[in-house]
Every structure is written in structure tokens, then in C-alpha cells.
Amino acid sequence: MYRLTKPETISFYASVLDACSSAKSLRNLKQVHAQTIRLCISSNDFIRTKLVSSYASCAQMREAHIIFSFTIRQPTFLYNSLIRAYSSLNQFSRSLSIFHQMIAAQKPIHRQTLPVVLKSCAGLLNLRLGKQVHVAVLINGFSLDLANNNALINMYAKCGHLDNARKVFDGMTVRNEISWSAMISGYAKLGEAWEGFKLFERMVEAEVKVDGMTFTAVLIACSHGGFLEKGREYFEMMEKRFGIKPGLEHYTTMVAMLVSAGLLEEAEKIMTRMEFEPDEALWGLLLAARRRIHDRDFVQGNCLNICKNADDLGSKR
């Protein structure tokens, strides 16, 4: 029977760890980690880098940090794994702290580094740092990179600087649905609904693929601006014109608009079209509206639905 040489063993287990990382399978990851210890290859620097990125992918940050601290070579992609993991967990300050450590260690910045850093800047509404990262995008030659530009649009829009977001958007030679949706979302959240609507029409004319995220943005624009008729129009065109089935966030936004307009029966009618159970937030919208008009029977009858959904959510965690 053929036995793997040590380099072949390392290469094999590195591939297995990559598979664990992609699948985010913590159980399998721990079993593979234990196997690398038994084979005396867990201290190999290449295996350690794979273990760090795998534990980070599984949101096991304590383990990732411990192994990271023992890794002699700490390449940029390893820092990127930690930056990305913290950002995905909405631990934006920790994510930026790792980025600062990476800069202090004089590691080169990769194309994949800055979009995640910009997401963390946006999460903290840290415009000052976001602008510094924008400079880093330019200095490192990423100004034509789609992911970096999309992240810049999102950061500026979330920080309330739509003019800067629009400059980035207008300067892009290539855009995708994320670019358009991020810009529309920025207009929506800052109360410039008609700018968002015009951009949506341009997007459709340009034959850019419209997706669920785009419709979330335009429906939020309708909701924030009080444009109920436009909301109905966009909600209906999702499936009829674009073949996109509304998701929970689309139903929630539409129900919120109808409830605000006092159209409770229509809101309940729309909910009956859902192919999934309403969540706690959606039931809460209706209950709050019914409570305001003293509809005690509806409130008491549907409190059971909220309790059931809360139990279901708890059992899935």
C-alpha cells in the first residue's frame, strides 16, 4: 500500500482544510485538526495558515487567533481571513484593529483586502477612515476594480455622503447589479427617493440584471418617501416582469407601507401570498397596528403565532 510522503500529506490535509472552510463545517474541521496533530504536521506553517482561515470561516475567532499567534509567517491572506471573519460577524472594530495590525506589520495590501475594510468603515459610519482607505485603493492601483468601487459606493452612501458615492459610481467603467443597488439604496435611505427611482429606470434600460437586493432598495425608497402607489407597482413587477419571487424583506417593507397608510386588510391579504411563515417582526407590525385601533380579538388570536415563531427561531439557533 502506497504511503504519502510528508509533503504529500501536508498538501492533502491543506486541501481537506480548504473543503472544511468552504463548507463552514466546524465538526469536520475539528476532526481534521485532530488528525493533523496525530500526524505531527499541525505545526507546519502552511497547515497553520489553513487552520487559521478555516476556523475564521467557521466564526471560531478564539481558535483562529491562538493558531495565528503561533504562525511564523503571517501573509496578507491570513490577515484577510481574520478581517473578513470579524466583519461578517459585525464586529467591525475588531476587523479594523486586525487591518491596523497588518499595516503595522508592513504586509502588502491585496485586491481582496480593502472591500472588507470599507464594509467595516461603513458599519461604524467611520467616514474619516473610509476616505483614507479610498486613498489606499487609488495608491494600490485598485481604482478600476469592481469590488473595491462597489465597497466605496456602499461606504460613502451609508456615511451619508451621496455626492462622493455618485462620483465613484459615475467614474466606473464596469458596473454590476451590486453597484446599481448600492447607489439606489443610498438614495433610498437618505430620503432622495426620486433619484433612486430614476437610477432604477436607467438600470433597467441598460439591461443590467435586476435582483432581489435591487427591489429591496427601491421598496425602501418608496417606504421612506411615502410613495405607496410606487411601492405597489414595484412589488407587483418583481415577479410579473422580472421573475423574482418576493422574499421576507420585500413583504416586510410592503406591509410596513400599507400599515402606515392604515390599509390593514390589504396588508393581511398580501401576507396570505407568502410561501413561508411570517417572522416575529412582520407579525409585530400588524399587531401594533391592530392594537392602535383596539382590535383585541386579532391581537389575542395572533399572539400565539408570534410565540410559535419565536420558539421556532430559538430551536434553530
Protein backbone atom coordinates (compact mmCIF):
# COMPACT_ATOMS: atom_id res chain seq x y z
CA MET A 1 0.00 0.00 0.00
CA TYR A 2 1.39 3.40 -1.03
CA ARG A 3 2.17 5.81 1.83
CA LEU A 4 2.06 9.54 1.34
CA THR A 5 5.33 11.40 1.78
CA LYS A 6 5.29 14.25 4.30
CA PRO A 7 4.95 16.96 1.60
CA GLU A 8 2.10 14.98 0.01
CA THR A 9 0.44 14.58 3.43
CA ILE A 10 0.67 18.31 4.05
CA SER A 11 -0.73 19.09 0.61
CA PHE A 12 -3.57 16.60 1.10
CA TYR A 13 -4.63 17.95 4.51
CA ALA A 14 -4.35 21.53 3.27
CA SER A 15 -6.91 20.64 0.59
CA VAL A 16 -9.16 18.95 3.15
CA LEU A 17 -8.99 22.05 5.38
CA ASP A 18 -9.95 24.20 2.38
CA ALA A 19 -13.01 21.99 1.92
CA CYS A 20 -13.94 22.40 5.62
CA SER A 21 -13.55 26.16 5.24
CA SER A 22 -15.78 26.31 2.15
CA ALA A 23 -18.45 24.15 3.80
CA LYS A 24 -18.09 26.00 7.15
CA SER A 25 -18.19 22.60 8.82
CA LEU A 26 -16.82 23.06 12.34
CA ARG A 27 -17.32 19.41 13.26
CA ASN A 28 -15.27 18.20 10.30
CA LEU A 29 -12.69 20.92 10.86
CA LYS A 30 -12.05 19.79 14.43
CA GLN A 31 -11.68 16.18 13.31
CA VAL A 32 -9.19 17.15 10.61
CA HIS A 33 -7.30 19.39 13.05
CA ALA A 34 -7.02 16.46 15.48
CA GLN A 35 -5.71 14.28 12.65
CA THR A 36 -3.01 16.84 11.77
CA ILE A 37 -1.89 16.81 15.41
CA ARG A 38 -1.65 13.00 15.40
CA LEU A 39 0.39 13.13 12.20
CA CYS A 40 2.69 15.80 13.70
CA ILE A 41 2.01 18.27 10.87
CA SER A 42 -0.17 20.79 12.77
CA SER A 43 2.93 22.91 13.49
CA ASN A 44 3.74 23.18 9.79
CA ASP A 45 3.37 26.83 8.78
CA PHE A 46 1.30 26.02 5.68
CA ILE A 47 -1.12 23.88 7.69
CA ARG A 48 -1.33 26.57 10.37
CA THR A 49 -2.34 29.17 7.81
CA LYS A 50 -5.07 26.84 6.56
CA LEU A 51 -6.25 26.21 10.13
CA VAL A 52 -6.47 29.95 10.85
CA SER A 53 -8.53 30.69 7.74
CA SER A 54 -10.72 27.61 8.34
CA TYR A 55 -11.51 28.49 11.97
CA ALA A 56 -12.14 32.11 10.93
CA SER A 57 -14.57 30.91 8.22
CA CYS A 58 -16.42 28.94 10.92
CA ALA A 59 -16.56 32.09 13.14
CA GLN A 60 -14.35 30.44 15.78
CA MET A 61 -12.25 33.53 16.34
CA ARG A 62 -10.59 32.47 19.60
CA GLU A 63 -9.12 29.35 17.98
CA ALA A 64 -8.17 31.30 14.86
CA HIS A 65 -6.28 33.89 16.93
CA ILE A 66 -4.42 31.31 19.00
CA ILE A 67 -3.15 29.47 15.92
CA PHE A 68 -2.42 32.80 14.18
CA SER A 69 -0.19 33.88 17.08
CA PHE A 70 1.93 30.72 16.66
CA THR A 71 2.26 31.11 12.89
CA ILE A 72 5.74 32.31 11.95
CA ARG A 73 4.86 33.60 8.51
CA GLN A 74 1.70 35.69 8.57
CA PRO A 75 0.90 36.52 4.94
CA THR A 76 -1.69 39.05 3.84
CA PHE A 77 -4.32 36.44 3.02
CA LEU A 78 -4.18 35.26 6.65
CA TYR A 79 -4.87 38.77 7.90
CA ASN A 80 -7.61 39.00 5.27
CA SER A 81 -9.25 35.87 6.74
CA LEU A 82 -9.48 37.47 10.19
CA ILE A 83 -10.56 40.87 8.84
CA ARG A 84 -13.31 39.20 6.79
CA ALA A 85 -14.47 36.94 9.62
CA TYR A 86 -14.84 39.77 12.13
CA SER A 87 -16.63 41.93 9.58
CA SER A 88 -19.07 39.12 8.74
CA LEU A 89 -19.85 38.86 12.47
CA ASN A 90 -20.50 42.64 12.56
CA GLN A 91 -17.50 43.05 14.87
CA PHE A 92 -16.32 45.99 12.81
CA SER A 93 -13.93 47.50 15.37
CA ARG A 94 -12.10 44.17 15.73
CA SER A 95 -11.96 43.85 11.95
CA LEU A 96 -10.32 47.29 11.63
CA SER A 97 -7.97 46.50 14.51
CA ILE A 98 -6.62 43.50 12.57
CA PHE A 99 -6.24 45.72 9.49
CA HIS A 100 -4.19 48.20 11.53
CA GLN A 101 -2.01 45.33 12.79
CA MET A 102 -1.50 44.23 9.20
CA ILE A 103 -0.40 47.73 8.15
CA ALA A 104 1.93 47.96 11.18
CA ALA A 105 3.46 44.62 10.14
CA GLN A 106 4.10 46.17 6.70
CA LYS A 107 2.19 43.48 4.84
CA PRO A 108 1.25 44.24 1.22
CA ILE A 109 -2.39 45.12 0.55
CA HIS A 110 -4.17 42.72 -1.79
CA ARG A 111 -7.12 43.47 -4.05
CA GLN A 112 -9.37 41.47 -1.66
CA THR A 113 -8.30 43.37 1.47
CA LEU A 114 -9.92 46.78 1.16
CA PRO A 115 -13.56 45.94 0.24
CA VAL A 116 -13.96 44.22 3.62
CA VAL A 117 -12.20 47.08 5.41
CA LEU A 118 -14.58 49.54 3.72
CA LYS A 119 -17.54 47.41 4.83
CA SER A 120 -16.31 47.77 8.43
CA CYS A 121 -15.87 51.53 7.97
CA ALA A 122 -19.46 51.69 6.73
CA GLY A 123 -20.68 49.60 9.66
CA LEU A 124 -19.11 52.07 12.10
CA LEU A 125 -20.04 55.13 9.96
CA ASN A 126 -16.33 55.98 10.08
CA LEU A 127 -16.10 58.38 7.15
CA ARG A 128 -12.63 59.65 8.10
CA LEU A 129 -11.08 56.18 7.92
CA GLY A 130 -13.20 55.37 4.86
CA LYS A 131 -11.65 58.29 3.00
CA GLN A 132 -8.16 57.12 4.00
CA VAL A 133 -8.97 53.66 2.65
CA HIS A 134 -10.22 55.31 -0.57
CA VAL A 135 -6.74 56.82 -0.94
CA ALA A 136 -5.27 53.35 -0.39
CA VAL A 137 -7.50 52.00 -3.17
CA LEU A 138 -6.09 54.61 -5.55
CA ILE A 139 -2.46 54.25 -4.44
CA ASN A 140 -2.53 50.46 -4.79
CA GLY A 141 -3.97 50.61 -8.29
CA PHE A 142 -7.42 49.21 -7.49
CA SER A 143 -9.43 52.17 -8.83
CA LEU A 144 -10.81 50.06 -11.72
CA ASP A 145 -11.59 47.05 -9.55
CA LEU A 146 -15.33 46.34 -9.35
CA ALA A 147 -15.42 45.01 -5.77
CA ASN A 148 -13.41 47.95 -4.41
CA ASN A 149 -15.60 50.50 -6.19
CA ASN A 150 -18.81 48.82 -5.00
CA ALA A 151 -17.48 48.90 -1.44
CA LEU A 152 -16.64 52.61 -1.80
CA ILE A 153 -20.18 53.40 -3.01
CA ASN A 154 -21.65 51.47 -0.07
CA MET A 155 -19.32 53.17 2.46
CA TYR A 156 -19.99 56.71 1.23
CA ALA A 157 -23.74 56.10 0.95
CA LYS A 158 -24.01 54.65 4.46
CA CYS A 159 -21.97 57.54 5.83
CA GLY A 160 -24.42 59.99 4.21
CA HIS A 161 -22.07 61.31 1.50
CA LEU A 162 -24.09 60.62 -1.63
CA ASP A 163 -22.10 63.06 -3.77
CA ASN A 164 -18.91 61.07 -3.20
CA ALA A 165 -20.77 57.78 -3.75
CA ARG A 166 -22.15 59.11 -7.04
CA LYS A 167 -18.69 60.28 -8.18
CA VAL A 168 -17.36 56.77 -7.69
CA PHE A 169 -20.43 55.30 -9.44
CA ASP A 170 -20.23 57.66 -12.43
CA GLY A 171 -16.49 57.05 -12.78
CA MET A 172 -16.85 53.26 -13.06
CA THR A 173 -16.16 51.75 -16.46
CA VAL A 174 -17.83 48.48 -15.45
CA ARG A 175 -20.81 48.17 -13.12
CA ASN A 176 -22.89 45.21 -11.94
CA GLU A 177 -26.19 44.87 -10.09
CA ILE A 178 -24.39 45.43 -6.76
CA SER A 179 -23.10 48.82 -7.97
CA TRP A 180 -26.57 50.00 -9.02
CA SER A 181 -28.33 48.58 -5.95
CA ALA A 182 -25.83 50.17 -3.55
CA MET A 183 -26.38 53.59 -5.14
CA ILE A 184 -30.17 53.20 -5.18
CA SER A 185 -30.08 52.06 -1.55
CA GLY A 186 -28.07 55.16 -0.62
CA TYR A 187 -30.67 57.44 -2.18
CA ALA A 188 -33.47 55.48 -0.52
CA LYS A 189 -32.08 55.67 3.00
CA LEU A 190 -31.29 59.38 2.77
CA GLY A 191 -34.75 60.35 1.54
CA GLU A 192 -33.91 61.01 -2.12
CA ALA A 193 -36.43 58.51 -3.44
CA TRP A 194 -36.92 60.02 -6.90
CA GLU A 195 -33.18 59.89 -7.60
CA GLY A 196 -33.36 56.21 -6.67
CA PHE A 197 -36.34 55.65 -8.99
CA LYS A 198 -34.56 57.37 -11.90
CA LEU A 199 -31.48 55.26 -11.33
CA PHE A 200 -33.60 52.11 -11.29
CA GLU A 201 -35.10 53.06 -14.66
CA ARG A 202 -31.59 53.66 -16.05
CA MET A 203 -30.53 50.27 -14.71
CA VAL A 204 -33.40 48.53 -16.50
CA GLU A 205 -32.72 50.46 -19.72
CA ALA A 206 -29.05 49.43 -19.53
CA GLU A 207 -30.24 45.81 -19.33
CA VAL A 208 -28.39 45.21 -16.08
CA LYS A 209 -29.69 42.17 -14.21
CA VAL A 210 -32.17 43.28 -11.55
CA ASP A 211 -32.21 41.13 -8.41
CA GLY A 212 -33.90 40.92 -5.01
CA MET A 213 -31.40 43.34 -3.47
CA THR A 214 -32.33 45.98 -6.07
CA PHE A 215 -36.01 45.65 -5.23
CA THR A 216 -35.28 45.87 -1.51
CA ALA A 217 -33.61 49.23 -2.23
CA VAL A 218 -36.47 50.65 -4.35
CA LEU A 219 -39.14 49.44 -1.90
CA ILE A 220 -37.27 51.10 0.98
CA ALA A 221 -37.19 54.29 -1.13
CA CYS A 222 -40.98 54.03 -1.52
CA SER A 223 -41.44 53.38 2.19
CA HIS A 224 -39.22 56.24 3.37
CA GLY A 225 -40.79 58.65 0.88
CA GLY A 226 -44.38 57.57 1.49
CA PHE A 227 -44.87 56.53 -2.15
CA LEU A 228 -47.40 53.76 -1.64
CA GLU A 229 -48.55 53.55 -5.28
CA LYS A 230 -44.96 53.27 -6.50
CA GLY A 231 -44.41 50.61 -3.86
CA ARG A 232 -47.36 48.59 -5.12
CA GLU A 233 -46.10 49.00 -8.70
CA TYR A 234 -42.57 47.78 -7.89
CA PHE A 235 -43.81 44.95 -5.68
CA GLU A 236 -46.10 43.61 -8.42
CA MET A 237 -43.49 43.94 -11.18
CA MET A 238 -40.97 41.84 -9.25
CA GLU A 239 -42.48 38.52 -10.24
CA LYS A 240 -44.60 39.52 -13.25
CA ARG A 241 -41.88 41.39 -15.15
CA PHE A 242 -38.60 40.10 -13.72
CA GLY A 243 -39.50 36.65 -12.41
CA ILE A 244 -38.21 37.42 -8.90
CA LYS A 245 -40.20 35.96 -6.02
CA PRO A 246 -40.53 38.45 -3.16
CA GLY A 247 -38.59 37.49 -0.05
CA LEU A 248 -39.26 38.25 3.60
CA GLU A 249 -37.61 41.69 3.43
CA HIS A 250 -39.81 42.68 0.46
CA TYR A 251 -43.02 41.58 2.19
CA THR A 252 -41.97 43.31 5.43
CA THR A 253 -41.32 46.62 3.65
CA MET A 254 -44.58 46.39 1.70
CA VAL A 255 -46.63 45.51 4.80
CA ALA A 256 -45.00 48.39 6.70
CA MET A 257 -46.09 50.81 3.94
CA LEU A 258 -49.65 49.52 3.96
CA VAL A 259 -49.88 49.56 7.75
CA SER A 260 -48.59 53.17 7.81
CA ALA A 261 -51.35 54.09 5.36
CA GLY A 262 -53.94 52.37 7.58
CA LEU A 263 -54.65 49.66 4.98
CA LEU A 264 -54.54 46.71 7.36
CA GLU A 265 -56.80 44.42 5.35
CA GLU A 266 -54.63 44.86 2.27
CA ALA A 267 -51.52 44.20 4.37
CA GLU A 268 -53.04 40.95 5.67
CA LYS A 269 -54.10 39.97 2.15
CA ILE A 270 -50.51 40.39 0.88
CA MET A 271 -49.26 38.23 3.75
CA THR A 272 -51.51 35.37 2.60
CA ARG A 273 -49.47 35.25 -0.65
CA MET A 274 -46.29 34.41 1.24
CA GLU A 275 -44.87 30.94 0.64
CA PHE A 276 -43.18 30.96 4.06
CA GLU A 277 -44.12 31.79 7.62
CA PRO A 278 -44.08 35.46 8.66
CA ASP A 279 -41.39 36.22 11.23
CA GLU A 280 -41.75 37.98 14.56
CA ALA A 281 -41.08 41.43 13.07
CA LEU A 282 -43.77 41.05 10.42
CA TRP A 283 -46.39 39.86 12.90
CA GLY A 284 -45.31 42.69 15.18
CA LEU A 285 -46.16 45.29 12.51
CA LEU A 286 -49.72 44.00 12.20
CA LEU A 287 -50.26 43.54 15.93
CA ALA A 288 -49.06 47.05 16.71
CA ALA A 289 -51.44 48.46 14.08
CA ARG A 290 -54.39 46.38 15.36
CA ARG A 291 -53.59 47.40 18.93
CA ARG A 292 -53.80 51.04 17.94
CA ILE A 293 -57.36 50.53 16.68
CA HIS A 294 -58.21 48.38 19.72
CA ASP A 295 -58.77 45.16 17.76
CA ARG A 296 -58.39 42.93 20.82
CA ASP A 297 -59.58 39.72 19.11
CA PHE A 298 -56.93 39.96 16.38
CA VAL A 299 -54.16 40.74 18.87
CA GLN A 300 -55.04 37.90 21.23
CA GLY A 301 -55.55 35.41 18.40
CA ASN A 302 -52.23 36.14 16.72
CA CYS A 303 -50.04 36.43 19.79
CA LEU A 304 -49.90 32.62 19.55
CA ASN A 305 -48.37 32.93 16.07
CA ILE A 306 -45.64 35.21 17.39
CA CYS A 307 -44.89 32.87 20.29
CA LYS A 308 -44.70 29.90 17.89
CA ASN A 309 -42.34 31.77 15.56
CA ALA A 310 -40.16 32.84 18.49
CA ASP A 311 -39.96 29.20 19.65
CA ASP A 312 -39.09 28.07 16.12
CA LEU A 313 -36.33 30.66 15.86
CA GLY A 314 -34.98 29.67 19.27
CA SER A 315 -34.87 25.97 18.36
CA LYS A 316 -32.88 26.74 15.16
CA ARG A 317 -30.17 28.65 17.00
